[in-house]
Amino acid sequence: MMDTAWYFRLFYVPILVFIISFLLSMIVKAKRMAAPEGGKPWIIGSMIGLIVFVVLLWFVPFSINLAFWIGIGIIVFGEVVFVLGFIAMREHPEKKQNVVNWGIYKVSRHSHVLAGIITNLGVIVMGWNLGSIIYIVLWVYLVLNLIFTHYYVLMEEKRNIEKFGQEYQDYMNKTPRYIGIPISGKSD
């Protein structure tokens, strides 16, 4: 596996996706978008998770095949979801409410979380190799990351209820957390 050329490693893909996401966010200028909440433990946990992901990806080569193109398609879809979230978070003077419930946020309360999950999935699919132990570890990482992220989302929703009150609870009752069926405004 280590005989694969350095430029055919998945290590570079999430770095490139991060740079593209950053540039897109600067272009769109979502003034209503706040920094992630949760304090240092969540930020540290997220950074450790990202570092582990990128380090694992150094050991996963890819080649230009069907899985590569499917992965690219998934990543592009994730970036579209990401940008739609930023577009919805732009200033809309005609909209007076505090809770953003238009655009992609009609479909998903946490479109940026969904975009991150989608792009991570795309990166993993790019290196499709079920015969590799490290590749299987990436799938385990993805599942653990989903669990960690879900707990973060639950915490964020509690803070949004405290911050926005009934307006956010009404939004929770109408809009799915990720995608699919809306979940009641009661804590899960």
N, C-alpha and C. Protein backbone atom coordinates (compact mmCIF):
# COMPACT_ATOMS: atom_id res chain seq x y z
N MET A 1 0.82 -1.19 0.00
CA MET A 1 0.00 0.00 0.00
C MET A 1 0.87 1.26 0.00
N MET A 2 1.98 1.24 0.68
CA MET A 2 2.83 2.42 0.77
C MET A 2 3.56 2.71 -0.54
N ASP A 3 3.48 1.82 -1.51
CA ASP A 3 4.13 2.07 -2.79
C ASP A 3 3.29 2.96 -3.70
N THR A 4 2.10 3.34 -3.24
CA THR A 4 1.23 4.24 -4.01
C THR A 4 1.84 5.65 -3.97
N ALA A 5 1.81 6.32 -5.09
CA ALA A 5 2.35 7.69 -5.17
C ALA A 5 1.66 8.60 -4.16
N TRP A 6 2.41 9.53 -3.61
CA TRP A 6 1.90 10.43 -2.58
C TRP A 6 0.66 11.20 -3.02
N TYR A 7 0.55 11.53 -4.28
CA TYR A 7 -0.58 12.31 -4.75
C TYR A 7 -1.82 11.46 -5.01
N PHE A 8 -1.73 10.15 -4.85
CA PHE A 8 -2.91 9.28 -4.98
C PHE A 8 -3.35 8.77 -3.61
N ARG A 9 -3.29 9.63 -2.62
CA ARG A 9 -3.75 9.30 -1.28
C ARG A 9 -4.94 10.21 -0.95
N LEU A 10 -5.88 9.66 -0.23
CA LEU A 10 -7.07 10.43 0.12
C LEU A 10 -6.77 11.57 1.09
N PHE A 11 -5.62 11.55 1.70
CA PHE A 11 -5.17 12.57 2.65
C PHE A 11 -5.45 13.99 2.14
N TYR A 12 -5.25 14.22 0.88
CA TYR A 12 -5.35 15.56 0.32
C TYR A 12 -6.79 15.98 0.03
N VAL A 13 -7.68 15.04 -0.11
CA VAL A 13 -9.05 15.36 -0.52
C VAL A 13 -9.79 16.19 0.53
N PRO A 14 -9.82 15.80 1.83
CA PRO A 14 -10.55 16.65 2.78
C PRO A 14 -9.90 18.03 2.96
N ILE A 15 -8.59 18.11 2.77
CA ILE A 15 -7.92 19.40 2.86
C ILE A 15 -8.41 20.29 1.71
N LEU A 16 -8.48 19.72 0.51
CA LEU A 16 -8.99 20.45 -0.65
C LEU A 16 -10.46 20.83 -0.44
N VAL A 17 -11.26 19.93 0.09
CA VAL A 17 -12.68 20.21 0.35
C VAL A 17 -12.80 21.34 1.37
N PHE A 18 -11.96 21.32 2.42
CA PHE A 18 -11.98 22.38 3.43
C PHE A 18 -11.67 23.73 2.78
N ILE A 19 -10.66 23.78 1.93
CA ILE A 19 -10.28 25.03 1.28
C ILE A 19 -11.42 25.52 0.38
N ILE A 20 -12.02 24.62 -0.37
CA ILE A 20 -13.14 24.99 -1.25
C ILE A 20 -14.31 25.50 -0.40
N SER A 21 -14.62 24.80 0.69
CA SER A 21 -15.72 25.22 1.57
C SER A 21 -15.45 26.60 2.15
N PHE A 22 -14.22 26.83 2.58
CA PHE A 22 -13.84 28.13 3.14
C PHE A 22 -14.02 29.23 2.10
N LEU A 23 -13.52 28.99 0.90
CA LEU A 23 -13.65 29.99 -0.16
C LEU A 23 -15.11 30.26 -0.52
N LEU A 24 -15.91 29.21 -0.58
CA LEU A 24 -17.33 29.39 -0.87
C LEU A 24 -18.01 30.20 0.22
N SER A 25 -17.66 29.95 1.49
CA SER A 25 -18.27 30.71 2.59
C SER A 25 -17.87 32.18 2.52
N MET A 26 -16.65 32.46 2.07
CA MET A 26 -16.21 33.85 1.93
C MET A 26 -16.93 34.54 0.77
N ILE A 27 -17.21 33.80 -0.28
CA ILE A 27 -17.91 34.37 -1.44
C ILE A 27 -19.37 34.67 -1.09
N VAL A 28 -20.02 33.72 -0.41
CA VAL A 28 -21.44 33.86 -0.12
C VAL A 28 -21.70 34.86 1.00
N LYS A 29 -20.81 34.97 1.97
CA LYS A 29 -20.92 35.92 3.08
C LYS A 29 -22.22 35.77 3.86
N ALA A 30 -22.32 34.71 4.61
CA ALA A 30 -23.51 34.43 5.42
C ALA A 30 -23.40 35.18 6.74
N LYS A 31 -23.98 36.34 6.82
CA LYS A 31 -23.84 37.19 8.01
C LYS A 31 -24.60 36.63 9.22
N ARG A 32 -25.60 35.84 8.99
CA ARG A 32 -26.36 35.29 10.11
C ARG A 32 -25.72 34.04 10.69
N MET A 33 -24.71 33.51 10.02
CA MET A 33 -24.07 32.27 10.47
C MET A 33 -23.19 32.58 11.67
N ALA A 34 -23.45 31.88 12.76
CA ALA A 34 -22.67 32.07 13.98
C ALA A 34 -21.61 30.97 14.07
N ALA A 35 -20.65 31.20 14.93
CA ALA A 35 -19.63 30.18 15.18
C ALA A 35 -20.28 28.99 15.87
N PRO A 36 -19.72 27.82 15.71
CA PRO A 36 -20.28 26.65 16.38
C PRO A 36 -20.30 26.84 17.89
N GLU A 37 -21.35 26.33 18.51
CA GLU A 37 -21.46 26.43 19.96
C GLU A 37 -20.98 25.13 20.59
N GLY A 38 -20.84 25.16 21.90
CA GLY A 38 -20.49 23.95 22.62
C GLY A 38 -19.26 24.07 23.48
N GLY A 39 -18.51 25.12 23.29
CA GLY A 39 -17.35 25.32 24.12
C GLY A 39 -16.15 24.49 23.71
N LYS A 40 -15.11 24.61 24.54
CA LYS A 40 -13.83 23.96 24.23
C LYS A 40 -13.91 22.45 24.09
N PRO A 41 -14.65 21.73 24.95
CA PRO A 41 -14.66 20.26 24.80
C PRO A 41 -15.14 19.81 23.41
N TRP A 42 -16.17 20.46 22.88
CA TRP A 42 -16.69 20.08 21.57
C TRP A 42 -15.72 20.48 20.47
N ILE A 43 -15.11 21.65 20.61
CA ILE A 43 -14.14 22.10 19.60
C ILE A 43 -12.93 21.17 19.59
N ILE A 44 -12.41 20.85 20.78
CA ILE A 44 -11.26 19.95 20.88
C ILE A 44 -11.61 18.57 20.32
N GLY A 45 -12.78 18.05 20.69
CA GLY A 45 -13.22 16.76 20.16
C GLY A 45 -13.33 16.76 18.66
N SER A 46 -13.87 17.84 18.11
CA SER A 46 -14.01 17.96 16.66
C SER A 46 -12.64 18.02 15.97
N MET A 47 -11.74 18.78 16.55
CA MET A 47 -10.39 18.90 15.95
C MET A 47 -9.64 17.56 16.02
N ILE A 48 -9.75 16.87 17.13
CA ILE A 48 -9.11 15.55 17.24
C ILE A 48 -9.70 14.60 16.21
N GLY A 49 -11.02 14.62 16.07
CA GLY A 49 -11.68 13.77 15.08
C GLY A 49 -11.21 14.07 13.67
N LEU A 50 -11.09 15.36 13.35
CA LEU A 50 -10.62 15.76 12.01
C LEU A 50 -9.18 15.30 11.77
N ILE A 51 -8.33 15.48 12.77
CA ILE A 51 -6.93 15.06 12.64
C ILE A 51 -6.85 13.54 12.44
N VAL A 52 -7.61 12.79 13.22
CA VAL A 52 -7.62 11.33 13.08
C VAL A 52 -8.07 10.95 11.67
N PHE A 53 -9.11 11.60 11.18
CA PHE A 53 -9.64 11.32 9.85
C PHE A 53 -8.57 11.55 8.78
N VAL A 54 -7.92 12.70 8.85
CA VAL A 54 -6.91 13.05 7.84
C VAL A 54 -5.71 12.09 7.92
N VAL A 55 -5.28 11.76 9.14
CA VAL A 55 -4.15 10.83 9.29
C VAL A 55 -4.52 9.45 8.73
N LEU A 56 -5.72 8.97 9.03
CA LEU A 56 -6.15 7.69 8.48
C LEU A 56 -6.14 7.72 6.95
N LEU A 57 -6.53 8.85 6.40
CA LEU A 57 -6.62 8.96 4.94
C LEU A 57 -5.26 8.91 4.26
N TRP A 58 -4.18 9.19 4.99
CA TRP A 58 -2.85 9.08 4.39
C TRP A 58 -2.59 7.65 3.93
N PHE A 59 -3.16 6.69 4.63
CA PHE A 59 -2.91 5.27 4.35
C PHE A 59 -3.90 4.67 3.36
N VAL A 60 -4.80 5.50 2.83
CA VAL A 60 -5.80 5.00 1.89
C VAL A 60 -5.55 5.59 0.50
N PRO A 61 -5.06 4.77 -0.41
CA PRO A 61 -4.84 5.25 -1.77
C PRO A 61 -6.16 5.24 -2.56
N PHE A 62 -6.16 5.96 -3.63
CA PHE A 62 -7.30 5.89 -4.53
C PHE A 62 -6.78 5.79 -5.95
N SER A 63 -7.65 5.35 -6.82
CA SER A 63 -7.31 5.34 -8.23
C SER A 63 -8.51 5.91 -8.99
N ILE A 64 -8.27 6.30 -10.21
CA ILE A 64 -9.35 6.88 -11.01
C ILE A 64 -10.18 5.73 -11.56
N ASN A 65 -11.27 5.46 -10.86
CA ASN A 65 -12.18 4.38 -11.24
C ASN A 65 -13.61 4.82 -10.93
N LEU A 66 -14.54 3.92 -11.01
CA LEU A 66 -15.95 4.25 -10.77
C LEU A 66 -16.16 4.79 -9.36
N ALA A 67 -15.54 4.17 -8.35
CA ALA A 67 -15.69 4.64 -6.96
C ALA A 67 -15.19 6.07 -6.82
N PHE A 68 -14.09 6.39 -7.48
CA PHE A 68 -13.55 7.74 -7.46
C PHE A 68 -14.59 8.74 -7.95
N TRP A 69 -15.20 8.46 -9.10
CA TRP A 69 -16.17 9.39 -9.67
C TRP A 69 -17.46 9.47 -8.85
N ILE A 70 -17.88 8.36 -8.28
CA ILE A 70 -19.05 8.38 -7.39
C ILE A 70 -18.73 9.23 -6.16
N GLY A 71 -17.54 9.04 -5.60
CA GLY A 71 -17.11 9.83 -4.45
C GLY A 71 -17.08 11.32 -4.77
N ILE A 72 -16.53 11.67 -5.94
CA ILE A 72 -16.51 13.08 -6.37
C ILE A 72 -17.93 13.63 -6.45
N GLY A 73 -18.84 12.84 -7.03
CA GLY A 73 -20.24 13.27 -7.13
C GLY A 73 -20.86 13.50 -5.76
N ILE A 74 -20.58 12.63 -4.80
CA ILE A 74 -21.10 12.78 -3.44
C ILE A 74 -20.52 14.04 -2.80
N ILE A 75 -19.23 14.26 -2.98
CA ILE A 75 -18.59 15.46 -2.42
C ILE A 75 -19.19 16.72 -3.01
N VAL A 76 -19.39 16.75 -4.32
CA VAL A 76 -19.99 17.92 -4.96
C VAL A 76 -21.40 18.16 -4.42
N PHE A 77 -22.17 17.09 -4.25
CA PHE A 77 -23.51 17.23 -3.67
C PHE A 77 -23.42 17.81 -2.25
N GLY A 78 -22.47 17.32 -1.45
CA GLY A 78 -22.27 17.86 -0.10
C GLY A 78 -21.92 19.34 -0.12
N GLU A 79 -21.08 19.74 -1.07
CA GLU A 79 -20.70 21.15 -1.19
C GLU A 79 -21.90 22.01 -1.62
N VAL A 80 -22.76 21.47 -2.46
CA VAL A 80 -23.98 22.20 -2.86
C VAL A 80 -24.87 22.41 -1.63
N VAL A 81 -25.05 21.38 -0.81
CA VAL A 81 -25.84 21.52 0.42
C VAL A 81 -25.20 22.57 1.32
N PHE A 82 -23.87 22.54 1.43
CA PHE A 82 -23.13 23.50 2.24
C PHE A 82 -23.40 24.93 1.77
N VAL A 83 -23.28 25.17 0.48
CA VAL A 83 -23.49 26.51 -0.08
C VAL A 83 -24.94 26.95 0.08
N LEU A 84 -25.88 26.04 -0.11
CA LEU A 84 -27.29 26.41 0.08
C LEU A 84 -27.55 26.86 1.51
N GLY A 85 -26.86 26.24 2.47
CA GLY A 85 -26.98 26.67 3.86
C GLY A 85 -26.45 28.08 4.05
N PHE A 86 -25.31 28.37 3.45
CA PHE A 86 -24.76 29.72 3.56
C PHE A 86 -25.65 30.74 2.85
N ILE A 87 -26.20 30.37 1.72
CA ILE A 87 -27.09 31.30 1.00
C ILE A 87 -28.31 31.62 1.87
N ALA A 88 -28.86 30.62 2.53
CA ALA A 88 -30.02 30.86 3.41
C ALA A 88 -29.64 31.75 4.59
N MET A 89 -28.39 31.69 5.03
CA MET A 89 -27.96 32.47 6.19
C MET A 89 -27.52 33.89 5.84
N ARG A 90 -27.65 34.27 4.57
CA ARG A 90 -27.34 35.66 4.21
C ARG A 90 -28.40 36.57 4.80
N GLU A 91 -28.11 37.84 4.84
CA GLU A 91 -29.08 38.82 5.34
C GLU A 91 -30.28 38.89 4.40
N HIS A 92 -31.45 38.78 4.98
CA HIS A 92 -32.71 38.91 4.24
C HIS A 92 -33.56 39.93 4.99
N PRO A 93 -33.41 41.21 4.68
CA PRO A 93 -34.13 42.25 5.44
C PRO A 93 -35.64 42.05 5.44
N GLU A 94 -36.17 41.40 4.41
CA GLU A 94 -37.63 41.19 4.34
C GLU A 94 -38.11 40.14 5.33
N LYS A 95 -37.19 39.35 5.87
CA LYS A 95 -37.56 38.29 6.82
C LYS A 95 -37.23 38.77 8.22
N LYS A 96 -38.25 38.90 9.04
CA LYS A 96 -38.09 39.52 10.36
C LYS A 96 -37.82 38.50 11.48
N GLN A 97 -38.11 37.24 11.26
CA GLN A 97 -37.95 36.26 12.34
C GLN A 97 -36.48 35.95 12.61
N ASN A 98 -36.20 35.47 13.81
CA ASN A 98 -34.84 35.14 14.21
C ASN A 98 -34.39 33.79 13.66
N VAL A 99 -35.32 32.85 13.57
CA VAL A 99 -34.99 31.49 13.14
C VAL A 99 -35.02 31.44 11.61
N VAL A 100 -33.94 30.95 11.03
CA VAL A 100 -33.87 30.81 9.57
C VAL A 100 -34.62 29.54 9.20
N ASN A 101 -35.77 29.71 8.55
CA ASN A 101 -36.60 28.56 8.19
C ASN A 101 -36.95 28.58 6.69
N TRP A 102 -36.06 29.13 5.91
CA TRP A 102 -36.25 29.19 4.46
C TRP A 102 -35.07 28.52 3.78
N GLY A 103 -35.18 28.39 2.45
CA GLY A 103 -34.10 27.75 1.69
C GLY A 103 -33.90 26.31 2.12
N ILE A 104 -32.66 25.89 2.22
CA ILE A 104 -32.33 24.51 2.60
C ILE A 104 -32.82 24.21 4.02
N TYR A 105 -32.99 25.26 4.83
CA TYR A 105 -33.45 25.06 6.21
C TYR A 105 -34.93 24.72 6.30
N LYS A 106 -35.63 24.68 5.18
CA LYS A 106 -36.98 24.11 5.14
C LYS A 106 -36.91 22.59 5.09
N VAL A 107 -35.79 22.07 4.60
CA VAL A 107 -35.61 20.64 4.39
C VAL A 107 -34.84 19.99 5.54
N SER A 108 -33.89 20.74 6.11
CA SER A 108 -33.02 20.21 7.16
C SER A 108 -32.67 21.31 8.15
N ARG A 109 -32.88 21.06 9.45
CA ARG A 109 -32.52 22.05 10.47
C ARG A 109 -31.01 22.20 10.60
N HIS A 110 -30.28 21.19 10.17
CA HIS A 110 -28.82 21.19 10.35
C HIS A 110 -28.14 20.85 9.02
N SER A 111 -28.38 21.70 8.03
CA SER A 111 -27.85 21.41 6.69
C SER A 111 -26.32 21.40 6.66
N HIS A 112 -25.67 22.20 7.49
CA HIS A 112 -24.20 22.21 7.48
C HIS A 112 -23.64 20.92 8.05
N VAL A 113 -24.30 20.38 9.06
CA VAL A 113 -23.89 19.08 9.60
C VAL A 113 -24.10 18.02 8.53
N LEU A 114 -25.24 18.06 7.88
CA LEU A 114 -25.54 17.12 6.81
C LEU A 114 -24.51 17.23 5.68
N ALA A 115 -24.13 18.46 5.33
CA ALA A 115 -23.13 18.66 4.27
C ALA A 115 -21.79 18.03 4.66
N GLY A 116 -21.39 18.19 5.91
CA GLY A 116 -20.14 17.59 6.37
C GLY A 116 -20.16 16.08 6.32
N ILE A 117 -21.28 15.50 6.72
CA ILE A 117 -21.43 14.04 6.68
C ILE A 117 -21.37 13.56 5.23
N ILE A 118 -22.06 14.26 4.35
CA ILE A 118 -22.08 13.87 2.94
C ILE A 118 -20.68 13.94 2.34
N THR A 119 -19.94 15.02 2.61
CA THR A 119 -18.60 15.13 2.03
C THR A 119 -17.66 14.08 2.60
N ASN A 120 -17.75 13.79 3.90
CA ASN A 120 -16.92 12.72 4.48
C ASN A 120 -17.24 11.38 3.83
N LEU A 121 -18.52 11.13 3.61
CA LEU A 121 -18.92 9.89 2.94
C LEU A 121 -18.32 9.83 1.53
N GLY A 122 -18.36 10.95 0.82
CA GLY A 122 -17.79 10.99 -0.53
C GLY A 122 -16.30 10.70 -0.53
N VAL A 123 -15.58 11.25 0.45
CA VAL A 123 -14.13 11.00 0.55
C VAL A 123 -13.87 9.52 0.77
N ILE A 124 -14.63 8.91 1.66
CA ILE A 124 -14.43 7.48 1.96
C ILE A 124 -14.76 6.62 0.74
N VAL A 125 -15.84 6.95 0.04
CA VAL A 125 -16.22 6.18 -1.14
C VAL A 125 -15.13 6.27 -2.21
N MET A 126 -14.46 7.42 -2.32
CA MET A 126 -13.39 7.57 -3.32
C MET A 126 -12.31 6.51 -3.20
N GLY A 127 -12.04 6.06 -2.00
CA GLY A 127 -10.97 5.08 -1.79
C GLY A 127 -11.46 3.66 -1.66
N TRP A 128 -12.61 3.36 -2.21
CA TRP A 128 -13.27 2.06 -2.04
C TRP A 128 -12.30 0.89 -2.12
N ASN A 129 -12.17 0.16 -0.99
CA ASN A 129 -11.31 -1.01 -0.94
C ASN A 129 -11.66 -1.81 0.30
N LEU A 130 -12.66 -2.67 0.18
CA LEU A 130 -13.12 -3.44 1.34
C LEU A 130 -12.10 -4.48 1.79
N GLY A 131 -11.04 -4.69 1.03
CA GLY A 131 -10.00 -5.63 1.41
C GLY A 131 -8.94 -5.00 2.32
N SER A 132 -9.04 -3.71 2.57
CA SER A 132 -8.05 -3.00 3.39
C SER A 132 -8.59 -2.79 4.80
N ILE A 133 -7.81 -3.13 5.78
CA ILE A 133 -8.21 -2.94 7.19
C ILE A 133 -8.38 -1.45 7.48
N ILE A 134 -7.46 -0.63 7.01
CA ILE A 134 -7.53 0.80 7.29
C ILE A 134 -8.80 1.41 6.66
N TYR A 135 -9.21 0.87 5.52
CA TYR A 135 -10.43 1.35 4.88
C TYR A 135 -11.65 1.00 5.73
N ILE A 136 -11.66 -0.18 6.29
CA ILE A 136 -12.75 -0.58 7.21
C ILE A 136 -12.75 0.33 8.44
N VAL A 137 -11.55 0.67 8.93
CA VAL A 137 -11.44 1.59 10.07
C VAL A 137 -12.06 2.95 9.72
N LEU A 138 -11.92 3.39 8.49
CA LEU A 138 -12.55 4.64 8.07
C LEU A 138 -14.07 4.58 8.20
N TRP A 139 -14.66 3.46 7.84
CA TRP A 139 -16.12 3.31 7.99
C TRP A 139 -16.50 3.33 9.47
N VAL A 140 -15.70 2.72 10.32
CA VAL A 140 -15.95 2.76 11.77
C VAL A 140 -15.84 4.22 12.24
N TYR A 141 -14.80 4.92 11.76
CA TYR A 141 -14.64 6.33 12.10
C TYR A 141 -15.90 7.11 11.71
N LEU A 142 -16.42 6.88 10.51
CA LEU A 142 -17.60 7.61 10.05
C LEU A 142 -18.78 7.38 10.99
N VAL A 143 -18.99 6.14 11.41
CA VAL A 143 -20.10 5.83 12.32
C VAL A 143 -19.89 6.54 13.66
N LEU A 144 -18.68 6.48 14.21
CA LEU A 144 -18.40 7.15 15.49
C LEU A 144 -18.56 8.66 15.35
N ASN A 145 -18.14 9.21 14.21
CA ASN A 145 -18.30 10.63 13.96
C ASN A 145 -19.77 11.01 13.88
N LEU A 146 -20.58 10.15 13.28
CA LEU A 146 -22.02 10.41 13.21
C LEU A 146 -22.64 10.47 14.61
N ILE A 147 -22.21 9.57 15.48
CA ILE A 147 -22.72 9.55 16.85
C ILE A 147 -22.31 10.82 17.59
N PHE A 148 -21.02 11.17 17.51
CA PHE A 148 -20.51 12.39 18.14
C PHE A 148 -21.27 13.61 17.63
N THR A 149 -21.43 13.69 16.33
CA THR A 149 -22.09 14.84 15.70
C THR A 149 -23.56 14.91 16.12
N HIS A 150 -24.22 13.77 16.23
CA HIS A 150 -25.62 13.77 16.65
C HIS A 150 -25.77 14.34 18.05
N TYR A 151 -24.88 13.98 18.96
CA TYR A 151 -24.95 14.53 20.32
C TYR A 151 -24.68 16.03 20.31
N TYR A 152 -23.80 16.48 19.45
CA TYR A 152 -23.56 17.91 19.32
C TYR A 152 -24.84 18.61 18.84
N VAL A 153 -25.50 18.03 17.86
CA VAL A 153 -26.73 18.62 17.31
C VAL A 153 -27.81 18.69 18.39
N LEU A 154 -27.95 17.64 19.20
CA LEU A 154 -28.93 17.67 20.29
C LEU A 154 -28.65 18.81 21.26
N MET A 155 -27.36 19.00 21.59
CA MET A 155 -26.97 20.09 22.48
C MET A 155 -27.28 21.45 21.84
N GLU A 156 -26.97 21.57 20.56
CA GLU A 156 -27.23 22.82 19.85
C GLU A 156 -28.74 23.13 19.82
N GLU A 157 -29.55 22.11 19.64
CA GLU A 157 -31.00 22.34 19.62
C GLU A 157 -31.50 22.82 20.97
N LYS A 158 -30.97 22.27 22.04
CA LYS A 158 -31.37 22.75 23.38
C LYS A 158 -31.00 24.22 23.55
N ARG A 159 -29.81 24.60 23.10
CA ARG A 159 -29.39 26.00 23.19
C ARG A 159 -30.26 26.89 22.32
N ASN A 160 -30.64 26.40 21.14
CA ASN A 160 -31.51 27.19 20.27
C ASN A 160 -32.89 27.38 20.87
N ILE A 161 -33.39 26.39 21.58
CA ILE A 161 -34.68 26.53 22.27
C ILE A 161 -34.56 27.60 23.35
N GLU A 162 -33.45 27.58 24.10
CA GLU A 162 -33.23 28.60 25.13
C GLU A 162 -33.10 29.99 24.48
N LYS A 163 -32.46 30.07 23.35
CA LYS A 163 -32.18 31.34 22.70
C LYS A 163 -33.40 31.90 21.96
N PHE A 164 -34.13 31.04 21.24
CA PHE A 164 -35.21 31.50 20.38
C PHE A 164 -36.60 31.12 20.87
N GLY A 165 -36.69 30.26 21.89
CA GLY A 165 -37.97 29.91 22.50
C GLY A 165 -38.94 29.19 21.58
N GLN A 166 -40.19 29.63 21.64
CA GLN A 166 -41.27 28.97 20.91
C GLN A 166 -41.06 29.00 19.41
N GLU A 167 -40.42 30.06 18.91
CA GLU A 167 -40.19 30.16 17.46
C GLU A 167 -39.35 28.97 16.98
N TYR A 168 -38.33 28.59 17.76
CA TYR A 168 -37.49 27.45 17.37
C TYR A 168 -38.23 26.13 17.56
N GLN A 169 -39.03 26.03 18.61
CA GLN A 169 -39.80 24.79 18.82
C GLN A 169 -40.79 24.58 17.69
N ASP A 170 -41.44 25.65 17.25
CA ASP A 170 -42.36 25.53 16.11
C ASP A 170 -41.61 25.08 14.86
N TYR A 171 -40.43 25.63 14.67
CA TYR A 171 -39.57 25.25 13.54
C TYR A 171 -39.20 23.77 13.63
N MET A 172 -38.85 23.31 14.83
CA MET A 172 -38.50 21.89 15.04
C MET A 172 -39.67 20.97 14.69
N ASN A 173 -40.88 21.41 14.98
CA ASN A 173 -42.06 20.60 14.70
C ASN A 173 -42.36 20.49 13.21
N LYS A 174 -41.87 21.45 12.41
CA LYS A 174 -42.16 21.47 10.98
C LYS A 174 -41.03 20.93 10.11
N THR A 175 -39.80 20.96 10.62
CA THR A 175 -38.64 20.69 9.77
C THR A 175 -37.82 19.53 10.32
N PRO A 176 -37.43 18.58 9.48
CA PRO A 176 -36.60 17.45 9.93
C PRO A 176 -35.25 17.91 10.46
N ARG A 177 -34.73 17.14 11.41
CA ARG A 177 -33.42 17.45 11.98
C ARG A 177 -32.34 17.38 10.91
N TYR A 178 -32.32 16.30 10.18
CA TYR A 178 -31.32 16.13 9.12
C TYR A 178 -32.03 16.13 7.78
N ILE A 179 -32.82 15.11 7.56
CA ILE A 179 -33.60 15.02 6.33
C ILE A 179 -34.63 13.91 6.58
N GLY A 180 -35.82 14.10 6.11
CA GLY A 180 -36.83 13.06 6.34
C GLY A 180 -38.02 13.59 7.11
N ILE A 181 -38.40 12.91 8.17
CA ILE A 181 -39.59 13.23 8.94
C ILE A 181 -39.24 14.17 10.08
N PRO A 182 -40.02 15.26 10.24
CA PRO A 182 -39.76 16.17 11.37
C PRO A 182 -39.90 15.43 12.71
N ILE A 183 -39.08 15.84 13.65
CA ILE A 183 -39.11 15.25 14.99
C ILE A 183 -39.71 16.29 15.92
N SER A 184 -40.53 15.86 16.81
CA SER A 184 -41.20 16.73 17.75
C SER A 184 -40.21 17.68 18.44
N GLY A 185 -40.68 18.84 18.86
CA GLY A 185 -39.86 19.81 19.56
C GLY A 185 -39.43 19.37 20.94
N LYS A 186 -39.92 18.24 21.40
CA LYS A 186 -39.50 17.74 22.71
C LYS A 186 -38.10 17.17 22.59
N SER A 187 -37.34 17.23 23.67
CA SER A 187 -35.98 16.69 23.65
C SER A 187 -35.99 15.21 23.42
N ASP A 188 -35.04 14.74 22.57
CA ASP A 188 -34.93 13.32 22.27
C ASP A 188 -33.99 12.67 23.25
